[in-house]
Amino acid sequence: MQLDSIEKALKALKNGDSIIVVDDENRENEGDLVAVTEWMHNDTVNFMATHGRGLICAPISSDIAKKLDLNPMVS
């Protein structure tokens, strides 16, 4: 398997594409789907939910979380 360079991954993200970030095979040996919300396409979240089948996480400010009455997953 060939892994792409960080530069190529950043270019893909800037183009609105999703990338898969993998950790070391001696660790969990898993991948995470990553996309930048500012540039991603409408079907990105659907793809993540359908094919990634894990948690979909998005960083938000504490002010927005308070307005939405959201609590952290872990303390």
N, C-alpha and C. Protein backbone atom coordinates (compact mmCIF):
# COMPACT_ATOMS: atom_id res chain seq x y z
N MET A 1 0.85 -1.18 0.00
CA MET A 1 0.00 0.00 0.00
C MET A 1 0.89 1.23 0.00
N GLN A 2 0.54 2.20 -0.83
CA GLN A 2 1.28 3.46 -0.89
C GLN A 2 0.53 4.54 -0.14
N LEU A 3 1.22 5.25 0.74
CA LEU A 3 0.61 6.36 1.47
C LEU A 3 1.00 7.66 0.78
N ASP A 4 0.08 8.61 0.74
CA ASP A 4 0.34 9.90 0.12
C ASP A 4 1.09 10.81 1.09
N SER A 5 1.71 11.83 0.54
CA SER A 5 2.42 12.81 1.35
C SER A 5 1.43 13.72 2.07
N ILE A 6 1.89 14.38 3.10
CA ILE A 6 1.06 15.34 3.82
C ILE A 6 0.65 16.47 2.89
N GLU A 7 1.56 16.90 2.03
CA GLU A 7 1.25 17.97 1.08
C GLU A 7 0.09 17.57 0.16
N LYS A 8 0.11 16.34 -0.33
CA LYS A 8 -0.96 15.86 -1.21
C LYS A 8 -2.29 15.76 -0.43
N ALA A 9 -2.22 15.35 0.81
CA ALA A 9 -3.43 15.26 1.64
C ALA A 9 -4.02 16.65 1.89
N LEU A 10 -3.16 17.62 2.18
CA LEU A 10 -3.64 18.99 2.41
C LEU A 10 -4.27 19.57 1.15
N LYS A 11 -3.68 19.30 0.01
CA LYS A 11 -4.24 19.77 -1.26
C LYS A 11 -5.63 19.16 -1.49
N ALA A 12 -5.77 17.87 -1.19
CA ALA A 12 -7.07 17.21 -1.34
C ALA A 12 -8.11 17.86 -0.43
N LEU A 13 -7.75 18.13 0.82
CA LEU A 13 -8.68 18.77 1.75
C LEU A 13 -9.09 20.15 1.25
N LYS A 14 -8.13 20.92 0.72
CA LYS A 14 -8.44 22.26 0.21
C LYS A 14 -9.33 22.20 -1.02
N ASN A 15 -9.32 21.08 -1.73
CA ASN A 15 -10.18 20.90 -2.90
C ASN A 15 -11.57 20.37 -2.53
N GLY A 16 -11.83 20.20 -1.22
CA GLY A 16 -13.13 19.72 -0.78
C GLY A 16 -13.23 18.21 -0.72
N ASP A 17 -12.11 17.52 -0.90
CA ASP A 17 -12.12 16.07 -0.84
C ASP A 17 -11.93 15.59 0.59
N SER A 18 -12.34 14.38 0.86
CA SER A 18 -12.08 13.73 2.15
C SER A 18 -10.80 12.93 2.02
N ILE A 19 -10.14 12.74 3.14
CA ILE A 19 -8.95 11.88 3.17
C ILE A 19 -9.12 10.87 4.29
N ILE A 20 -8.31 9.83 4.25
CA ILE A 20 -8.26 8.86 5.34
C ILE A 20 -6.91 9.01 6.02
N VAL A 21 -6.93 9.28 7.31
CA VAL A 21 -5.71 9.38 8.10
C VAL A 21 -5.58 8.08 8.88
N VAL A 22 -4.47 7.39 8.70
CA VAL A 22 -4.28 6.10 9.37
C VAL A 22 -3.21 6.21 10.44
N ASP A 23 -3.39 5.45 11.50
CA ASP A 23 -2.35 5.40 12.52
C ASP A 23 -1.44 4.21 12.25
N ASP A 24 -0.49 4.01 13.11
CA ASP A 24 0.52 2.97 12.92
C ASP A 24 -0.10 1.58 13.01
N GLU A 25 0.38 0.68 12.17
CA GLU A 25 -0.16 -0.69 12.18
C GLU A 25 0.13 -1.41 13.48
N ASN A 26 1.10 -0.93 14.25
CA ASN A 26 1.39 -1.53 15.55
C ASN A 26 0.58 -0.89 16.67
N ARG A 27 -0.23 0.07 16.33
CA ARG A 27 -1.11 0.69 17.31
C ARG A 27 -2.51 0.13 17.09
N GLU A 28 -3.48 0.96 16.76
CA GLU A 28 -4.84 0.47 16.51
C GLU A 28 -5.03 0.03 15.07
N ASN A 29 -4.16 0.51 14.18
CA ASN A 29 -4.22 0.17 12.76
C ASN A 29 -5.61 0.47 12.19
N GLU A 30 -6.06 1.71 12.43
CA GLU A 30 -7.36 2.12 11.92
C GLU A 30 -7.23 3.44 11.19
N GLY A 31 -8.26 3.79 10.46
CA GLY A 31 -8.25 5.04 9.72
C GLY A 31 -9.43 5.91 10.11
N ASP A 32 -9.24 7.21 9.97
CA ASP A 32 -10.30 8.18 10.23
C ASP A 32 -10.55 8.97 8.96
N LEU A 33 -11.82 9.15 8.61
CA LEU A 33 -12.18 10.01 7.50
C LEU A 33 -12.11 11.45 7.98
N VAL A 34 -11.45 12.30 7.21
CA VAL A 34 -11.26 13.70 7.59
C VAL A 34 -11.68 14.58 6.43
N ALA A 35 -12.40 15.66 6.73
CA ALA A 35 -12.80 16.64 5.73
C ALA A 35 -12.86 18.01 6.40
N VAL A 36 -12.69 19.04 5.61
CA VAL A 36 -12.79 20.41 6.10
C VAL A 36 -14.19 20.93 5.74
N THR A 37 -14.97 21.28 6.76
CA THR A 37 -16.36 21.66 6.51
C THR A 37 -16.49 22.85 5.57
N GLU A 38 -15.54 23.75 5.61
CA GLU A 38 -15.59 24.95 4.75
C GLU A 38 -15.58 24.59 3.27
N TRP A 39 -14.92 23.46 2.92
CA TRP A 39 -14.76 23.11 1.51
C TRP A 39 -15.42 21.80 1.13
N MET A 40 -16.06 21.11 2.06
CA MET A 40 -16.56 19.79 1.70
C MET A 40 -17.88 19.86 0.94
N HIS A 41 -18.18 18.78 0.28
CA HIS A 41 -19.37 18.68 -0.54
C HIS A 41 -20.57 18.24 0.30
N ASN A 42 -21.76 18.43 -0.23
CA ASN A 42 -22.99 18.11 0.50
C ASN A 42 -23.08 16.65 0.93
N ASP A 43 -22.52 15.75 0.15
CA ASP A 43 -22.67 14.33 0.45
C ASP A 43 -21.58 13.77 1.36
N THR A 44 -20.70 14.62 1.88
CA THR A 44 -19.58 14.13 2.70
C THR A 44 -20.06 13.48 3.99
N VAL A 45 -20.96 14.12 4.71
CA VAL A 45 -21.46 13.56 5.97
C VAL A 45 -22.21 12.27 5.70
N ASN A 46 -22.99 12.23 4.64
CA ASN A 46 -23.70 11.01 4.28
C ASN A 46 -22.72 9.87 4.01
N PHE A 47 -21.65 10.16 3.28
CA PHE A 47 -20.63 9.15 3.01
C PHE A 47 -20.00 8.65 4.31
N MET A 48 -19.67 9.59 5.20
CA MET A 48 -19.05 9.20 6.48
C MET A 48 -19.98 8.31 7.29
N ALA A 49 -21.27 8.68 7.33
CA ALA A 49 -22.23 7.89 8.11
C ALA A 49 -22.47 6.52 7.48
N THR A 50 -22.53 6.47 6.16
CA THR A 50 -22.83 5.22 5.46
C THR A 50 -21.64 4.27 5.44
N HIS A 51 -20.47 4.80 5.17
CA HIS A 51 -19.30 3.94 4.97
C HIS A 51 -18.33 3.93 6.16
N GLY A 52 -18.26 5.02 6.90
CA GLY A 52 -17.37 5.07 8.06
C GLY A 52 -17.97 4.40 9.27
N ARG A 53 -19.25 4.58 9.45
CA ARG A 53 -20.05 3.94 10.51
C ARG A 53 -19.51 4.14 11.91
N GLY A 54 -18.89 5.27 12.16
CA GLY A 54 -18.42 5.58 13.50
C GLY A 54 -18.97 6.91 13.93
N LEU A 55 -18.32 7.52 14.88
CA LEU A 55 -18.72 8.85 15.32
C LEU A 55 -18.34 9.87 14.27
N ILE A 56 -19.19 10.85 14.06
CA ILE A 56 -18.85 11.99 13.21
C ILE A 56 -18.66 13.16 14.16
N CYS A 57 -17.45 13.67 14.21
CA CYS A 57 -17.10 14.72 15.16
C CYS A 57 -16.82 16.02 14.43
N ALA A 58 -17.23 17.11 15.04
CA ALA A 58 -16.96 18.44 14.50
C ALA A 58 -16.66 19.38 15.66
N PRO A 59 -15.56 20.09 15.59
CA PRO A 59 -15.25 21.03 16.67
C PRO A 59 -16.18 22.24 16.61
N ILE A 60 -16.64 22.68 17.76
CA ILE A 60 -17.44 23.90 17.85
C ILE A 60 -16.99 24.67 19.08
N SER A 61 -17.28 25.95 19.09
CA SER A 61 -16.89 26.77 20.23
C SER A 61 -17.77 26.45 21.44
N SER A 62 -17.28 26.80 22.61
CA SER A 62 -18.06 26.55 23.82
C SER A 62 -19.34 27.40 23.82
N ASP A 63 -19.29 28.58 23.20
CA ASP A 63 -20.50 29.42 23.11
C ASP A 63 -21.59 28.73 22.30
N ILE A 64 -21.23 28.15 21.16
CA ILE A 64 -22.22 27.45 20.34
C ILE A 64 -22.75 26.23 21.08
N ALA A 65 -21.86 25.50 21.74
CA ALA A 65 -22.29 24.32 22.51
C ALA A 65 -23.29 24.71 23.59
N LYS A 66 -23.05 25.81 24.28
CA LYS A 66 -23.97 26.26 25.32
C LYS A 66 -25.33 26.64 24.72
N LYS A 67 -25.32 27.35 23.58
CA LYS A 67 -26.57 27.73 22.94
C LYS A 67 -27.39 26.51 22.52
N LEU A 68 -26.70 25.44 22.13
CA LEU A 68 -27.37 24.21 21.68
C LEU A 68 -27.60 23.24 22.83
N ASP A 69 -27.18 23.63 24.04
CA ASP A 69 -27.30 22.78 25.24
C ASP A 69 -26.59 21.43 25.03
N LEU A 70 -25.39 21.49 24.45
CA LEU A 70 -24.58 20.29 24.23
C LEU A 70 -23.54 20.15 25.34
N ASN A 71 -23.35 18.93 25.78
CA ASN A 71 -22.34 18.65 26.80
C ASN A 71 -21.21 17.84 26.18
N PRO A 72 -19.99 17.98 26.75
CA PRO A 72 -18.87 17.17 26.22
C PRO A 72 -19.15 15.68 26.38
N MET A 73 -18.61 14.87 25.44
CA MET A 73 -18.75 13.42 25.55
C MET A 73 -18.05 12.89 26.79
N VAL A 74 -16.90 13.47 27.10
CA VAL A 74 -16.14 13.07 28.28
C VAL A 74 -15.75 14.32 29.06
N SER A 75 -15.58 14.16 30.36
CA SER A 75 -15.20 15.33 31.16
C SER A 75 -13.70 15.41 31.32
